[in-house]
Each structure stands twice: as C-alpha cells, then as structure tokens.
Protein backbone atom coordinates (compact mmCIF):
# COMPACT_ATOMS: atom_id res chain seq x y z
CA LEU A 1 251.75 -116.43 -190.76
CA LEU A 2 248.55 -114.39 -190.47
CA LYS A 3 247.34 -116.52 -187.57
CA SER A 4 250.58 -116.22 -185.63
CA ALA A 5 251.22 -112.51 -186.31
CA SER A 6 249.46 -109.93 -184.20
CA ASP A 7 251.23 -106.87 -185.64
CA ASN A 8 248.96 -105.08 -188.08
CA ILE A 9 251.83 -103.98 -190.35
CA VAL A 10 253.11 -107.55 -190.72
CA ARG A 11 249.61 -108.81 -191.51
CA LEU A 12 248.98 -106.10 -194.13
CA ASN A 13 252.35 -106.68 -195.78
CA THR A 14 251.66 -110.40 -195.90
CA LEU A 15 248.36 -109.70 -197.64
CA ARG A 16 250.12 -107.35 -200.10
CA ALA A 17 252.64 -110.08 -200.89
CA LEU A 18 249.81 -112.54 -201.52
CA GLY A 19 248.14 -109.93 -203.69
CA ARG A 20 250.98 -109.99 -206.17
CA TYR A 21 250.12 -113.60 -206.99
CA CYS A 22 246.37 -113.26 -206.71
CA SER A 23 244.27 -115.35 -209.05
CA VAL A 24 240.56 -116.10 -209.10
CA SER A 25 240.89 -119.08 -206.76
CA LEU A 26 243.13 -117.20 -204.31
CA GLY A 27 240.84 -114.17 -204.41
CA LYS A 28 237.85 -116.32 -203.57
CA GLU A 29 239.77 -118.00 -200.74
CA MET A 30 240.80 -114.61 -199.35
CA ILE A 31 237.18 -113.45 -199.29
CA VAL A 32 236.01 -116.65 -197.61
CA SER A 33 238.66 -116.30 -194.90
CA SER A 34 238.08 -112.56 -194.46
CA MET A 35 235.71 -113.06 -191.53
CA HIS A 36 238.83 -113.56 -189.39
CA PHE A 37 240.49 -110.35 -190.56
CA ARG A 38 240.49 -106.83 -189.21
CA PRO A 39 238.70 -104.03 -191.10
CA SER A 40 241.94 -102.65 -192.55
CA GLU A 41 242.84 -106.12 -193.78
CA ARG A 42 239.42 -106.56 -195.37
CA ARG A 43 239.96 -103.26 -197.23
CA GLN A 44 243.31 -104.59 -198.43
CA ILE A 45 241.62 -107.78 -199.64
CA GLU A 46 239.05 -105.66 -201.47
CA GLU A 47 241.82 -103.82 -203.34
CA ILE A 48 243.61 -107.08 -204.14
CA VAL A 49 240.53 -108.81 -205.52
CA ILE A 50 239.63 -105.79 -207.64
CA THR A 51 243.00 -106.10 -209.38
CA VAL A 52 242.06 -109.62 -210.50
CA GLY A 53 239.43 -108.01 -212.70
CA PRO A 54 236.23 -109.06 -214.43
CA GLU A 55 236.95 -112.80 -214.33
CA MET A 56 236.16 -112.59 -210.62
CA ILE A 57 232.58 -111.38 -211.18
CA PRO A 58 230.81 -114.78 -211.46
CA HIS A 59 232.57 -116.00 -208.31
CA LEU A 60 231.60 -112.87 -206.41
CA LEU A 61 227.98 -113.26 -207.41
CA ALA A 62 228.04 -116.90 -206.31
CA LEU A 63 229.52 -115.91 -202.94
CA ILE A 64 226.85 -113.26 -202.42
CA GLN A 65 224.05 -115.71 -203.17
CA ASP A 66 225.50 -118.46 -200.95
CA THR A 67 223.60 -118.12 -197.67
CA SER A 68 225.89 -120.64 -195.96
CA GLN A 69 228.71 -118.06 -196.09
CA HIS A 70 229.30 -115.74 -193.16
CA ASP A 71 227.64 -112.34 -193.56
CA ARG A 72 230.99 -110.50 -193.48
CA ASN A 73 232.19 -112.55 -196.45
CA ARG A 74 229.02 -111.82 -198.39
CA ILE A 75 229.22 -108.10 -197.57
CA LEU A 76 232.82 -107.93 -198.75
CA ALA A 77 231.94 -109.76 -201.97
CA SER A 78 229.05 -107.31 -202.47
CA LYS A 79 231.34 -104.30 -202.02
CA ILE A 80 233.80 -105.69 -204.53
CA LEU A 81 231.06 -106.54 -207.03
CA GLY A 82 229.66 -103.05 -206.58
CA ARG A 83 232.99 -101.63 -207.67
CA LEU A 84 233.62 -104.09 -210.52
CA ALA A 85 230.12 -104.39 -211.98
CA PRO A 86 227.58 -102.08 -210.34
CA SER A 87 224.95 -102.72 -213.03
CA LEU A 88 225.10 -106.47 -212.39
CA LEU A 89 224.69 -105.91 -208.66
CA ARG A 90 221.67 -103.67 -209.32
CA THR A 91 220.21 -106.37 -211.57
CA HIS A 92 220.38 -108.99 -208.79
CA LEU A 93 219.61 -106.62 -205.92
CA TYR A 94 215.88 -107.39 -205.62
CA GLU A 95 216.55 -111.13 -205.64
CA LEU A 96 219.24 -110.78 -202.97
CA VAL A 97 217.20 -108.53 -200.71
CA SER A 98 214.08 -110.69 -200.97
CA SER A 99 216.07 -113.81 -200.06
CA GLU A 100 217.52 -111.99 -197.04
CA ILE A 101 214.05 -110.91 -195.97
CA GLY A 102 212.94 -114.52 -196.22
CA ARG A 103 215.89 -115.61 -194.11
CA ALA A 104 215.08 -113.02 -191.46
C-alpha cells in the first residue's frame, strides 16, 4: 500500500496502523525500508520503534554498525538509539566515528 499510495496522510495512517502491531522484527524492517520514506514518515517510524522499548537496543546498535546499510537507515537507527539509550550510544561513539572516517 505504501508503494502505491502517494497521499501523505494515507501513508502516515498506514504506518500508524503498522505501529500498533510493531515488534522487534517489524521495527527493524521498518528502519531498513525507511530510505524510501519521506521525512515525516521517518519521524513516524522513529516514534513507532521507540514504543517497542529496550529490547530494540541491540538491533539498533547492529544496524548502526552495519556499513552495508544505507546511511539514512543508520542515521535513523542512531537517532532512535540516542533517545532510548544515550549512554550506550556515547559508549560506542568513538568506534562508530573512527570506522566512518576509515570508510571516507
């Protein structure tokens, strides 16, 4: 439905409906597919994944460290991790930045 709908309201409501049934696996899938979404839809995904809670943290950290993922996906995962566990993000920050410098 998201691919066929161009109306922003329909797309956001579809994401909200998916958010009611969000689990760890669905949250991860939403982040991975977020590179195709608009900024307002990515913000909606951020709110949805935050409701999943702390069980999402290891998956977010794995997504951030996976350099094969699109940068938008990794940025969204970083934003969510920053809201769920800022101390964990600070702990891994040097490692993440140094790997990005190496990639550049």
